[in-house]
Amino acid sequence: MNNEEKTFYYSTDEVKQIDEYVDGKNSKSTHYFVSGEVREVTEYVDGLPSKGTGYFVSGEVSQVVEIVNGFPLTKATHYHKTGEIDQILEFVDGKRSKENFYHKTGEILAIKEYIDGNLSKATLHYKTGEVKQVDEWTDGKRSKITINYPAGEVKAIKEYVDGDVSRVTGYYKTGEVKEVDKYIDSNPSEVTIYYKTGEVKSNRKLLT
């Protein structure tokens, strides 16, 4: 087994990078901050990158990246300096497929889902875990937003046509329709408010 090492330096002579080789193939690369602390470590399998670990200057892990056969990236996990997970990104065929965001206390904050690398859905959570809001996209355009009360009941639904808001429906906590706002070219055209019993309380036409 033939081991080799190459060292690169900053212009101020501090070590910038050390590459390690086994039988001519890269096995490990270590990058350093100019102050001397480890900044990033890349591990290799058969000469191809398989894992990358980033560090804060104070030494804590900042991110871990997983790679298959050198490419593509499959997963990236980002951390707070205190060690808790901040964000997890997942990839399929090199394209972003999902993102999870977390509170520092560990609860899920938000989830973003992608189709062919394009954002298709974003779900925001209350800290208690219930869904707070769901945004949906179709062909790159926003198509719907659902907003919930903290206990999970639907509070409002926003509907879009070609990316422009067309209708907003508000609900009482008990599920009855409370208000319907209609739009033309994203401008409010009519507002109807309802009693819980379903009868119309008021109606205003805003565009003539």
N, C-alpha and C. Protein backbone atom coordinates (compact mmCIF):
# COMPACT_ATOMS: atom_id res chain seq x y z
N MET A 1 0.85 -1.19 0.00
CA MET A 1 0.00 0.00 0.00
C MET A 1 0.89 1.24 0.00
N ASN A 2 0.65 2.13 -0.95
CA ASN A 2 1.46 3.33 -1.10
C ASN A 2 0.68 4.54 -0.60
N ASN A 3 1.16 5.16 0.46
CA ASN A 3 0.51 6.34 1.04
C ASN A 3 1.25 7.60 0.64
N GLU A 4 0.49 8.64 0.33
CA GLU A 4 1.09 9.91 -0.07
C GLU A 4 0.28 11.05 0.52
N GLU A 5 0.90 12.17 0.70
CA GLU A 5 0.23 13.33 1.28
C GLU A 5 0.70 14.60 0.59
N LYS A 6 -0.26 15.48 0.27
CA LYS A 6 0.07 16.76 -0.33
C LYS A 6 -0.48 17.87 0.55
N THR A 7 0.31 18.90 0.76
CA THR A 7 -0.08 20.00 1.63
C THR A 7 -0.09 21.30 0.85
N PHE A 8 -1.19 22.07 1.02
CA PHE A 8 -1.31 23.36 0.36
C PHE A 8 -1.37 24.45 1.43
N TYR A 9 -0.89 25.66 1.07
CA TYR A 9 -0.76 26.72 2.08
C TYR A 9 -1.46 28.00 1.63
N TYR A 10 -1.93 28.78 2.64
CA TYR A 10 -2.39 30.12 2.38
C TYR A 10 -1.18 30.99 2.01
N SER A 11 -1.44 32.15 1.42
CA SER A 11 -0.33 33.04 1.04
C SER A 11 0.44 33.52 2.26
N THR A 12 -0.18 33.40 3.44
CA THR A 12 0.48 33.80 4.69
C THR A 12 1.17 32.61 5.37
N ASP A 13 1.30 31.47 4.63
CA ASP A 13 2.06 30.28 5.05
C ASP A 13 1.34 29.33 6.00
N GLU A 14 0.11 29.67 6.43
CA GLU A 14 -0.62 28.71 7.26
C GLU A 14 -1.13 27.57 6.36
N VAL A 15 -1.29 26.38 6.93
CA VAL A 15 -1.78 25.23 6.18
C VAL A 15 -3.23 25.48 5.77
N LYS A 16 -3.52 25.30 4.49
CA LYS A 16 -4.86 25.51 3.94
C LYS A 16 -5.57 24.18 3.70
N GLN A 17 -4.84 23.18 3.22
CA GLN A 17 -5.45 21.91 2.84
C GLN A 17 -4.41 20.80 2.84
N ILE A 18 -4.81 19.63 3.31
CA ILE A 18 -3.96 18.44 3.25
C ILE A 18 -4.75 17.34 2.56
N ASP A 19 -4.22 16.82 1.46
CA ASP A 19 -4.85 15.72 0.73
C ASP A 19 -4.05 14.45 0.98
N GLU A 20 -4.77 13.39 1.34
CA GLU A 20 -4.13 12.09 1.58
C GLU A 20 -4.51 11.12 0.47
N TYR A 21 -3.54 10.31 0.03
CA TYR A 21 -3.74 9.37 -1.06
C TYR A 21 -3.31 7.97 -0.64
N VAL A 22 -4.02 6.98 -1.15
CA VAL A 22 -3.66 5.57 -0.96
C VAL A 22 -3.61 4.93 -2.34
N ASP A 23 -2.45 4.43 -2.71
CA ASP A 23 -2.26 3.82 -4.03
C ASP A 23 -2.70 4.76 -5.15
N GLY A 24 -2.37 6.05 -4.99
CA GLY A 24 -2.64 7.04 -6.01
C GLY A 24 -4.05 7.61 -6.02
N LYS A 25 -4.92 7.09 -5.16
CA LYS A 25 -6.30 7.57 -5.10
C LYS A 25 -6.51 8.42 -3.85
N ASN A 26 -7.22 9.50 -4.02
CA ASN A 26 -7.51 10.38 -2.89
C ASN A 26 -8.34 9.63 -1.85
N SER A 27 -7.92 9.66 -0.59
CA SER A 27 -8.65 8.97 0.48
C SER A 27 -9.24 9.96 1.49
N LYS A 28 -8.64 11.15 1.56
CA LYS A 28 -9.12 12.12 2.55
C LYS A 28 -8.56 13.50 2.23
N SER A 29 -9.41 14.53 2.37
CA SER A 29 -8.96 15.91 2.21
C SER A 29 -9.40 16.69 3.43
N THR A 30 -8.47 17.40 4.03
CA THR A 30 -8.77 18.21 5.21
C THR A 30 -8.47 19.66 4.91
N HIS A 31 -9.48 20.51 5.06
CA HIS A 31 -9.33 21.94 4.81
C HIS A 31 -9.31 22.67 6.16
N TYR A 32 -8.53 23.74 6.22
CA TYR A 32 -8.34 24.45 7.49
C TYR A 32 -8.71 25.92 7.36
N PHE A 33 -9.22 26.48 8.46
CA PHE A 33 -9.35 27.92 8.55
C PHE A 33 -7.95 28.52 8.60
N VAL A 34 -7.81 29.76 8.21
CA VAL A 34 -6.49 30.40 8.25
C VAL A 34 -5.94 30.44 9.68
N SER A 35 -6.85 30.38 10.66
CA SER A 35 -6.43 30.38 12.07
C SER A 35 -5.97 29.01 12.55
N GLY A 36 -6.09 27.97 11.68
CA GLY A 36 -5.55 26.67 12.02
C GLY A 36 -6.56 25.59 12.35
N GLU A 37 -7.79 25.95 12.65
CA GLU A 37 -8.80 24.95 13.00
C GLU A 37 -9.32 24.25 11.74
N VAL A 38 -9.75 23.00 11.90
CA VAL A 38 -10.29 22.24 10.77
C VAL A 38 -11.60 22.87 10.31
N ARG A 39 -11.73 23.11 9.01
CA ARG A 39 -12.93 23.71 8.43
C ARG A 39 -13.81 22.66 7.77
N GLU A 40 -13.19 21.68 7.11
CA GLU A 40 -13.95 20.68 6.37
C GLU A 40 -13.10 19.44 6.16
N VAL A 41 -13.73 18.28 6.25
CA VAL A 41 -13.07 17.01 5.97
C VAL A 41 -13.90 16.24 4.94
N THR A 42 -13.26 15.87 3.84
CA THR A 42 -13.92 15.08 2.80
C THR A 42 -13.30 13.69 2.76
N GLU A 43 -14.17 12.67 2.86
CA GLU A 43 -13.70 11.28 2.81
C GLU A 43 -14.01 10.69 1.44
N TYR A 44 -13.15 9.77 0.99
CA TYR A 44 -13.27 9.20 -0.34
C TYR A 44 -13.32 7.68 -0.27
N VAL A 45 -14.04 7.09 -1.24
CA VAL A 45 -14.07 5.64 -1.43
C VAL A 45 -13.68 5.37 -2.88
N ASP A 46 -12.60 4.61 -3.07
CA ASP A 46 -12.10 4.35 -4.43
C ASP A 46 -11.83 5.64 -5.19
N GLY A 47 -11.34 6.64 -4.46
CA GLY A 47 -10.98 7.90 -5.09
C GLY A 47 -12.12 8.85 -5.32
N LEU A 48 -13.35 8.46 -4.96
CA LEU A 48 -14.53 9.30 -5.16
C LEU A 48 -15.07 9.80 -3.82
N PRO A 49 -15.46 11.08 -3.73
CA PRO A 49 -15.97 11.61 -2.46
C PRO A 49 -17.23 10.88 -2.02
N SER A 50 -17.29 10.52 -0.73
CA SER A 50 -18.45 9.80 -0.20
C SER A 50 -19.09 10.54 0.97
N LYS A 51 -18.33 11.41 1.62
CA LYS A 51 -18.87 12.11 2.79
C LYS A 51 -18.05 13.37 3.05
N GLY A 52 -18.76 14.44 3.37
CA GLY A 52 -18.11 15.69 3.73
C GLY A 52 -18.62 16.19 5.06
N THR A 53 -17.71 16.60 5.92
CA THR A 53 -18.09 17.11 7.24
C THR A 53 -17.52 18.51 7.41
N GLY A 54 -18.40 19.47 7.67
CA GLY A 54 -17.97 20.85 7.89
C GLY A 54 -17.97 21.17 9.37
N TYR A 55 -17.15 22.14 9.75
CA TYR A 55 -17.00 22.49 11.17
C TYR A 55 -17.07 24.00 11.36
N PHE A 56 -17.62 24.39 12.51
CA PHE A 56 -17.51 25.78 12.93
C PHE A 56 -16.06 26.02 13.36
N VAL A 57 -15.63 27.25 13.36
CA VAL A 57 -14.24 27.54 13.74
C VAL A 57 -13.96 27.11 15.18
N SER A 58 -15.02 27.01 15.99
CA SER A 58 -14.86 26.59 17.38
C SER A 58 -14.81 25.08 17.54
N GLY A 59 -14.95 24.33 16.42
CA GLY A 59 -14.77 22.88 16.45
C GLY A 59 -16.02 22.04 16.35
N GLU A 60 -17.20 22.63 16.56
CA GLU A 60 -18.43 21.84 16.47
C GLU A 60 -18.78 21.54 15.01
N VAL A 61 -19.44 20.41 14.78
CA VAL A 61 -19.85 20.04 13.43
C VAL A 61 -20.94 21.00 12.94
N SER A 62 -20.76 21.55 11.74
CA SER A 62 -21.75 22.47 11.17
C SER A 62 -22.62 21.78 10.13
N GLN A 63 -22.06 20.80 9.40
CA GLN A 63 -22.85 20.08 8.42
C GLN A 63 -22.19 18.76 8.06
N VAL A 64 -23.03 17.80 7.63
CA VAL A 64 -22.55 16.51 7.14
C VAL A 64 -23.24 16.26 5.80
N VAL A 65 -22.44 16.00 4.78
CA VAL A 65 -22.95 15.78 3.42
C VAL A 65 -22.65 14.35 3.00
N GLU A 66 -23.67 13.66 2.49
CA GLU A 66 -23.49 12.28 2.03
C GLU A 66 -23.57 12.24 0.50
N ILE A 67 -22.66 11.48 -0.11
CA ILE A 67 -22.54 11.44 -1.56
C ILE A 67 -22.44 9.99 -2.01
N VAL A 68 -23.01 9.68 -3.17
CA VAL A 68 -22.94 8.32 -3.72
C VAL A 68 -22.04 8.33 -4.96
N ASN A 69 -20.97 7.52 -4.92
CA ASN A 69 -20.06 7.38 -6.06
C ASN A 69 -19.55 8.72 -6.59
N GLY A 70 -19.27 9.62 -5.67
CA GLY A 70 -18.72 10.91 -6.06
C GLY A 70 -19.76 11.92 -6.49
N PHE A 71 -20.88 11.45 -6.95
CA PHE A 71 -21.98 12.30 -7.40
C PHE A 71 -23.17 11.38 -7.66
N PRO A 72 -24.36 11.79 -7.38
CA PRO A 72 -24.73 13.10 -6.86
C PRO A 72 -24.84 13.12 -5.34
N LEU A 73 -25.03 14.32 -4.85
CA LEU A 73 -25.31 14.52 -3.43
C LEU A 73 -26.64 13.86 -3.09
N THR A 74 -26.69 13.14 -1.97
CA THR A 74 -27.94 12.47 -1.57
C THR A 74 -28.56 13.08 -0.31
N LYS A 75 -27.74 13.59 0.60
CA LYS A 75 -28.28 14.12 1.84
C LYS A 75 -27.30 15.09 2.47
N ALA A 76 -27.84 16.17 3.02
CA ALA A 76 -27.02 17.15 3.73
C ALA A 76 -27.72 17.52 5.03
N THR A 77 -27.01 17.42 6.13
CA THR A 77 -27.56 17.73 7.44
C THR A 77 -26.79 18.90 8.04
N HIS A 78 -27.51 19.96 8.40
CA HIS A 78 -26.88 21.14 8.99
C HIS A 78 -27.21 21.19 10.48
N TYR A 79 -26.25 21.67 11.26
CA TYR A 79 -26.39 21.67 12.72
C TYR A 79 -26.21 23.07 13.31
N HIS A 80 -26.88 23.29 14.44
CA HIS A 80 -26.59 24.46 15.24
C HIS A 80 -25.25 24.24 15.96
N LYS A 81 -24.63 25.30 16.40
CA LYS A 81 -23.35 25.16 17.12
C LYS A 81 -23.50 24.33 18.39
N THR A 82 -24.70 24.30 18.93
CA THR A 82 -24.94 23.55 20.17
C THR A 82 -25.23 22.07 19.90
N GLY A 83 -25.21 21.65 18.61
CA GLY A 83 -25.34 20.24 18.27
C GLY A 83 -26.69 19.79 17.76
N GLU A 84 -27.72 20.61 17.93
CA GLU A 84 -29.04 20.20 17.46
C GLU A 84 -29.13 20.35 15.94
N ILE A 85 -29.95 19.51 15.32
CA ILE A 85 -30.14 19.58 13.88
C ILE A 85 -30.91 20.85 13.52
N ASP A 86 -30.41 21.58 12.55
CA ASP A 86 -31.05 22.79 12.07
C ASP A 86 -31.85 22.52 10.81
N GLN A 87 -31.29 21.72 9.90
CA GLN A 87 -31.92 21.49 8.60
C GLN A 87 -31.41 20.19 7.99
N ILE A 88 -32.29 19.45 7.32
CA ILE A 88 -31.90 18.25 6.57
C ILE A 88 -32.39 18.41 5.14
N LEU A 89 -31.48 18.28 4.18
CA LEU A 89 -31.82 18.35 2.78
C LEU A 89 -31.63 16.97 2.16
N GLU A 90 -32.60 16.53 1.36
CA GLU A 90 -32.50 15.24 0.68
C GLU A 90 -32.57 15.47 -0.83
N PHE A 91 -31.83 14.63 -1.58
CA PHE A 91 -31.74 14.79 -3.02
C PHE A 91 -32.01 13.46 -3.72
N VAL A 92 -32.61 13.54 -4.90
CA VAL A 92 -32.84 12.37 -5.75
C VAL A 92 -32.28 12.70 -7.12
N ASP A 93 -31.33 11.87 -7.60
CA ASP A 93 -30.68 12.12 -8.90
C ASP A 93 -30.08 13.51 -8.96
N GLY A 94 -29.53 13.95 -7.83
CA GLY A 94 -28.88 15.25 -7.80
C GLY A 94 -29.80 16.43 -7.65
N LYS A 95 -31.13 16.19 -7.64
CA LYS A 95 -32.09 17.28 -7.50
C LYS A 95 -32.68 17.28 -6.10
N ARG A 96 -32.88 18.46 -5.57
CA ARG A 96 -33.47 18.59 -4.24
C ARG A 96 -34.85 17.98 -4.22
N SER A 97 -35.13 17.11 -3.24
CA SER A 97 -36.44 16.46 -3.15
C SER A 97 -37.19 16.83 -1.87
N LYS A 98 -36.45 17.18 -0.82
CA LYS A 98 -37.11 17.47 0.46
C LYS A 98 -36.17 18.26 1.37
N GLU A 99 -36.77 19.17 2.15
CA GLU A 99 -36.03 19.92 3.16
C GLU A 99 -36.83 19.88 4.46
N ASN A 100 -36.17 19.55 5.54
CA ASN A 100 -36.78 19.59 6.87
C ASN A 100 -36.07 20.66 7.69
N PHE A 101 -36.83 21.52 8.33
CA PHE A 101 -36.27 22.56 9.20
C PHE A 101 -36.74 22.29 10.63
N TYR A 102 -35.88 22.55 11.61
CA TYR A 102 -36.20 22.21 12.99
C TYR A 102 -35.98 23.39 13.94
N HIS A 103 -36.79 23.43 14.99
CA HIS A 103 -36.52 24.33 16.11
C HIS A 103 -35.27 23.82 16.84
N LYS A 104 -34.61 24.69 17.56
CA LYS A 104 -33.41 24.25 18.31
C LYS A 104 -33.76 23.20 19.36
N THR A 105 -35.01 23.17 19.77
CA THR A 105 -35.44 22.20 20.77
C THR A 105 -35.85 20.87 20.14
N GLY A 106 -35.73 20.74 18.81
CA GLY A 106 -35.94 19.47 18.14
C GLY A 106 -37.25 19.30 17.40
N GLU A 107 -38.24 20.15 17.68
CA GLU A 107 -39.52 20.00 17.00
C GLU A 107 -39.41 20.42 15.53
N ILE A 108 -40.19 19.79 14.68
CA ILE A 108 -40.19 20.14 13.27
C ILE A 108 -40.77 21.53 13.08
N LEU A 109 -40.11 22.36 12.30
CA LEU A 109 -40.57 23.73 12.04
C LEU A 109 -41.26 23.81 10.69
N ALA A 110 -40.64 23.23 9.66
CA ALA A 110 -41.21 23.30 8.32
C ALA A 110 -40.66 22.17 7.46
N ILE A 111 -41.45 21.79 6.45
CA ILE A 111 -41.03 20.77 5.48
C ILE A 111 -41.32 21.31 4.09
N LYS A 112 -40.31 21.25 3.22
CA LYS A 112 -40.48 21.64 1.82
C LYS A 112 -40.29 20.40 0.96
N GLU A 113 -41.21 20.20 0.01
CA GLU A 113 -41.13 19.04 -0.89
C GLU A 113 -40.98 19.53 -2.33
N TYR A 114 -40.19 18.78 -3.10
CA TYR A 114 -39.88 19.17 -4.47
C TYR A 114 -40.20 18.04 -5.45
N ILE A 115 -40.56 18.40 -6.67
CA ILE A 115 -40.74 17.45 -7.76
C ILE A 115 -39.81 17.88 -8.88
N ASP A 116 -38.88 16.98 -9.26
CA ASP A 116 -37.88 17.31 -10.29
C ASP A 116 -37.13 18.59 -9.94
N GLY A 117 -36.87 18.80 -8.65
CA GLY A 117 -36.12 19.97 -8.21
C GLY A 117 -36.94 21.22 -8.04
N ASN A 118 -38.22 21.18 -8.39
CA ASN A 118 -39.09 22.35 -8.26
C ASN A 118 -39.97 22.25 -7.02
N LEU A 119 -40.07 23.33 -6.29
CA LEU A 119 -40.86 23.35 -5.06
C LEU A 119 -42.32 23.04 -5.38
N SER A 120 -42.90 22.06 -4.69
CA SER A 120 -44.30 21.68 -4.92
C SER A 120 -45.16 21.86 -3.67
N LYS A 121 -44.55 21.82 -2.49
CA LYS A 121 -45.34 21.90 -1.26
C LYS A 121 -44.45 22.35 -0.11
N ALA A 122 -44.99 23.22 0.73
CA ALA A 122 -44.29 23.67 1.94
C ALA A 122 -45.25 23.61 3.10
N THR A 123 -44.86 22.91 4.15
CA THR A 123 -45.71 22.74 5.33
C THR A 123 -45.03 23.36 6.54
N LEU A 124 -45.72 24.29 7.16
CA LEU A 124 -45.21 24.96 8.36
C LEU A 124 -45.95 24.42 9.58
N HIS A 125 -45.21 24.14 10.65
CA HIS A 125 -45.82 23.55 11.85
C HIS A 125 -45.78 24.51 13.04
N TYR A 126 -46.80 24.40 13.89
CA TYR A 126 -46.72 25.01 15.21
C TYR A 126 -45.69 24.23 16.02
N LYS A 127 -45.14 24.84 17.04
CA LYS A 127 -44.13 24.16 17.85
C LYS A 127 -44.69 22.92 18.55
N THR A 128 -46.00 22.88 18.70
CA THR A 128 -46.65 21.73 19.32
C THR A 128 -46.77 20.55 18.36
N GLY A 129 -46.43 20.78 17.07
CA GLY A 129 -46.45 19.70 16.09
C GLY A 129 -47.59 19.78 15.10
N GLU A 130 -48.67 20.49 15.43
CA GLU A 130 -49.80 20.58 14.50
C GLU A 130 -49.41 21.41 13.27
N VAL A 131 -50.05 21.12 12.16
CA VAL A 131 -49.78 21.85 10.92
C VAL A 131 -50.35 23.26 11.02
N LYS A 132 -49.52 24.25 10.75
CA LYS A 132 -49.94 25.65 10.81
C LYS A 132 -50.37 26.16 9.44
N GLN A 133 -49.62 25.79 8.41
CA GLN A 133 -49.91 26.29 7.06
C GLN A 133 -49.34 25.34 6.02
N VAL A 134 -50.06 25.17 4.92
CA VAL A 134 -49.59 24.36 3.80
C VAL A 134 -49.69 25.19 2.53
N ASP A 135 -48.55 25.38 1.86
CA ASP A 135 -48.51 26.09 0.58
C ASP A 135 -48.26 25.07 -0.52
N GLU A 136 -48.99 25.18 -1.63
CA GLU A 136 -48.84 24.24 -2.74
C GLU A 136 -48.55 24.99 -4.03
N TRP A 137 -47.73 24.37 -4.89
CA TRP A 137 -47.37 24.94 -6.18
C TRP A 137 -47.65 23.92 -7.28
N THR A 138 -48.06 24.40 -8.44
CA THR A 138 -48.24 23.56 -9.62
C THR A 138 -47.51 24.21 -10.79
N ASP A 139 -46.59 23.46 -11.39
CA ASP A 139 -45.79 23.99 -12.51
C ASP A 139 -45.10 25.29 -12.14
N GLY A 140 -44.59 25.34 -10.92
CA GLY A 140 -43.83 26.50 -10.48
C GLY A 140 -44.66 27.68 -10.02
N LYS A 141 -45.99 27.58 -10.08
CA LYS A 141 -46.86 28.66 -9.65
C LYS A 141 -47.64 28.26 -8.40
N ARG A 142 -47.79 29.21 -7.49
CA ARG A 142 -48.56 28.93 -6.28
C ARG A 142 -50.00 28.62 -6.65
N SER A 143 -50.55 27.53 -6.10
CA SER A 143 -51.91 27.14 -6.45
C SER A 143 -52.87 27.16 -5.26
N LYS A 144 -52.33 27.02 -4.03
CA LYS A 144 -53.23 26.95 -2.88
C LYS A 144 -52.45 27.17 -1.59
N ILE A 145 -53.09 27.82 -0.63
CA ILE A 145 -52.56 27.96 0.72
C ILE A 145 -53.66 27.58 1.70
N THR A 146 -53.34 26.69 2.62
CA THR A 146 -54.28 26.31 3.67
C THR A 146 -53.70 26.72 5.01
N ILE A 147 -54.45 27.50 5.77
CA ILE A 147 -54.00 27.99 7.08
C ILE A 147 -54.89 27.37 8.16
N ASN A 148 -54.26 26.85 9.20
CA ASN A 148 -54.99 26.16 10.27
C ASN A 148 -54.93 26.90 11.59
N TYR A 149 -55.95 26.69 12.41
CA TYR A 149 -55.92 27.12 13.81
C TYR A 149 -54.92 26.23 14.56
N PRO A 150 -54.43 26.65 15.73
CA PRO A 150 -53.44 25.85 16.48
C PRO A 150 -53.89 24.42 16.80
N ALA A 151 -55.20 24.21 16.93
CA ALA A 151 -55.70 22.87 17.25
C ALA A 151 -55.89 22.01 16.00
N GLY A 152 -55.65 22.59 14.83
CA GLY A 152 -55.73 21.81 13.60
C GLY A 152 -56.89 22.09 12.69
N GLU A 153 -57.89 22.85 13.16
CA GLU A 153 -59.03 23.15 12.30
C GLU A 153 -58.61 24.13 11.20
N VAL A 154 -59.23 24.01 10.04
CA VAL A 154 -58.92 24.91 8.93
C VAL A 154 -59.41 26.32 9.25
N LYS A 155 -58.53 27.29 9.11
CA LYS A 155 -58.86 28.68 9.38
C LYS A 155 -59.16 29.44 8.09
N ALA A 156 -58.37 29.14 7.04
CA ALA A 156 -58.59 29.83 5.76
C ALA A 156 -57.96 29.02 4.63
N ILE A 157 -58.54 29.17 3.44
CA ILE A 157 -57.98 28.55 2.24
C ILE A 157 -57.88 29.63 1.17
N LYS A 158 -56.67 29.80 0.62
CA LYS A 158 -56.44 30.74 -0.47
C LYS A 158 -56.25 29.94 -1.76
N GLU A 159 -57.01 30.28 -2.78
CA GLU A 159 -56.91 29.58 -4.06
C GLU A 159 -56.32 30.52 -5.11
N TYR A 160 -55.52 29.95 -6.00
CA TYR A 160 -54.82 30.75 -7.01
C TYR A 160 -55.08 30.18 -8.41
N VAL A 161 -55.09 31.09 -9.39
CA VAL A 161 -55.18 30.70 -10.80
C VAL A 161 -54.00 31.34 -11.52
N ASP A 162 -53.15 30.50 -12.13
CA ASP A 162 -51.95 30.99 -12.81
C ASP A 162 -51.09 31.85 -11.88
N GLY A 163 -51.05 31.48 -10.59
CA GLY A 163 -50.19 32.16 -9.63
C GLY A 163 -50.82 33.38 -8.99
N ASP A 164 -52.02 33.79 -9.45
CA ASP A 164 -52.70 34.95 -8.88
C ASP A 164 -53.84 34.49 -7.96
N VAL A 165 -53.97 35.14 -6.81
CA VAL A 165 -55.03 34.77 -5.88
C VAL A 165 -56.38 35.04 -6.52
N SER A 166 -57.30 34.07 -6.40
CA SER A 166 -58.63 34.21 -7.01
C SER A 166 -59.75 34.16 -5.97
N ARG A 167 -59.48 33.51 -4.84
CA ARG A 167 -60.53 33.34 -3.83
C ARG A 167 -59.90 33.01 -2.48
N VAL A 168 -60.43 33.61 -1.43
CA VAL A 168 -60.00 33.31 -0.06
C VAL A 168 -61.25 32.99 0.76
N THR A 169 -61.25 31.81 1.37
CA THR A 169 -62.38 31.39 2.19
C THR A 169 -61.92 31.25 3.63
N GLY A 170 -62.58 31.98 4.53
CA GLY A 170 -62.27 31.90 5.95
C GLY A 170 -63.31 31.06 6.67
N TYR A 171 -62.87 30.37 7.74
CA TYR A 171 -63.77 29.44 8.45
C TYR A 171 -63.80 29.74 9.95
N TYR A 172 -64.97 29.50 10.54
CA TYR A 172 -65.05 29.48 12.00
C TYR A 172 -64.31 28.23 12.49
N LYS A 173 -63.92 28.24 13.75
CA LYS A 173 -63.23 27.08 14.31
C LYS A 173 -64.07 25.81 14.24
N THR A 174 -65.37 25.99 14.23
CA THR A 174 -66.28 24.85 14.19
C THR A 174 -66.54 24.35 12.77
N GLY A 175 -65.88 24.99 11.77
CA GLY A 175 -65.92 24.48 10.41
C GLY A 175 -66.82 25.21 9.43
N GLU A 176 -67.73 26.05 9.94
CA GLU A 176 -68.63 26.76 9.02
C GLU A 176 -67.88 27.89 8.29
N VAL A 177 -68.33 28.20 7.08
CA VAL A 177 -67.72 29.29 6.32
C VAL A 177 -68.01 30.63 7.01
N LYS A 178 -66.97 31.40 7.21
CA LYS A 178 -67.09 32.69 7.89
C LYS A 178 -67.06 33.85 6.90
N GLU A 179 -66.20 33.72 5.86
CA GLU A 179 -66.02 34.82 4.91
C GLU A 179 -65.51 34.27 3.59
N VAL A 180 -65.98 34.86 2.49
CA VAL A 180 -65.48 34.51 1.16
C VAL A 180 -65.07 35.80 0.46
N ASP A 181 -63.80 35.89 0.09
CA ASP A 181 -63.29 37.04 -0.65
C ASP A 181 -62.95 36.59 -2.07
N LYS A 182 -63.51 37.27 -3.06
CA LYS A 182 -63.22 36.94 -4.46
C LYS A 182 -62.32 38.00 -5.07
N TYR A 183 -61.48 37.58 -6.01
CA TYR A 183 -60.50 38.47 -6.62
C TYR A 183 -60.57 38.39 -8.14
N ILE A 184 -60.25 39.51 -8.79
CA ILE A 184 -60.07 39.56 -10.23
C ILE A 184 -58.71 40.18 -10.49
N ASP A 185 -57.85 39.43 -11.17
CA ASP A 185 -56.46 39.89 -11.42
C ASP A 185 -55.77 40.27 -10.12
N SER A 186 -55.99 39.44 -9.08
CA SER A 186 -55.39 39.62 -7.75
C SER A 186 -55.94 40.82 -6.99
N ASN A 187 -56.94 41.50 -7.53
CA ASN A 187 -57.57 42.62 -6.84
C ASN A 187 -58.89 42.17 -6.24
N PRO A 188 -59.17 42.51 -4.96
CA PRO A 188 -60.43 42.09 -4.33
C PRO A 188 -61.63 42.66 -5.07
N SER A 189 -62.59 41.79 -5.40
CA SER A 189 -63.77 42.22 -6.16
C SER A 189 -65.06 42.10 -5.36
N GLU A 190 -65.09 41.15 -4.40
CA GLU A 190 -66.30 40.94 -3.62
C GLU A 190 -65.97 40.29 -2.29
N VAL A 191 -66.63 40.76 -1.24
CA VAL A 191 -66.43 40.20 0.10
C VAL A 191 -67.79 39.83 0.68
N THR A 192 -67.94 38.57 1.05
CA THR A 192 -69.20 38.10 1.65
C THR A 192 -68.89 37.50 3.02
N ILE A 193 -69.61 37.96 4.05
CA ILE A 193 -69.42 37.47 5.41
C ILE A 193 -70.69 36.72 5.83
N TYR A 194 -70.47 35.58 6.52
CA TYR A 194 -71.58 34.70 6.88
C TYR A 194 -71.70 34.54 8.39
N TYR A 195 -72.95 34.35 8.83
CA TYR A 195 -73.19 33.90 10.20
C TYR A 195 -72.83 32.43 10.27
N LYS A 196 -72.69 31.91 11.48
CA LYS A 196 -72.40 30.49 11.64
C LYS A 196 -73.51 29.60 11.09
N THR A 197 -74.71 30.14 11.04
CA THR A 197 -75.85 29.37 10.55
C THR A 197 -75.87 29.27 9.03
N GLY A 198 -74.99 30.02 8.36
CA GLY A 198 -74.91 29.96 6.91
C GLY A 198 -75.54 31.13 6.19
N GLU A 199 -76.36 31.92 6.90
CA GLU A 199 -76.97 33.07 6.25
C GLU A 199 -75.94 34.17 6.02
N VAL A 200 -76.18 34.94 4.97
CA VAL A 200 -75.26 36.03 4.66
C VAL A 200 -75.43 37.17 5.66
N LYS A 201 -74.34 37.62 6.22
CA LYS A 201 -74.35 38.73 7.16
C LYS A 201 -74.14 40.04 6.43
N SER A 202 -73.22 40.03 5.45
CA SER A 202 -72.99 41.24 4.65
C SER A 202 -72.32 40.84 3.34
N ASN A 203 -72.54 41.69 2.33
CA ASN A 203 -71.93 41.47 1.03
C ASN A 203 -71.51 42.81 0.43
N ARG A 204 -70.26 42.88 -0.03
CA ARG A 204 -69.78 44.12 -0.64
C ARG A 204 -69.13 43.80 -1.95
N LYS A 205 -69.51 44.50 -3.00
CA LYS A 205 -68.85 44.36 -4.29
C LYS A 205 -67.87 45.53 -4.43
N LEU A 206 -66.61 45.22 -4.64
CA LEU A 206 -65.57 46.23 -4.61
C LEU A 206 -65.16 46.71 -6.00
N LEU A 207 -65.45 45.89 -7.02
CA LEU A 207 -65.13 46.27 -8.39
C LEU A 207 -66.41 46.35 -9.20
N THR A 208 -66.52 47.37 -10.03
CA THR A 208 -67.72 47.52 -10.87
C THR A 208 -67.32 47.49 -12.34
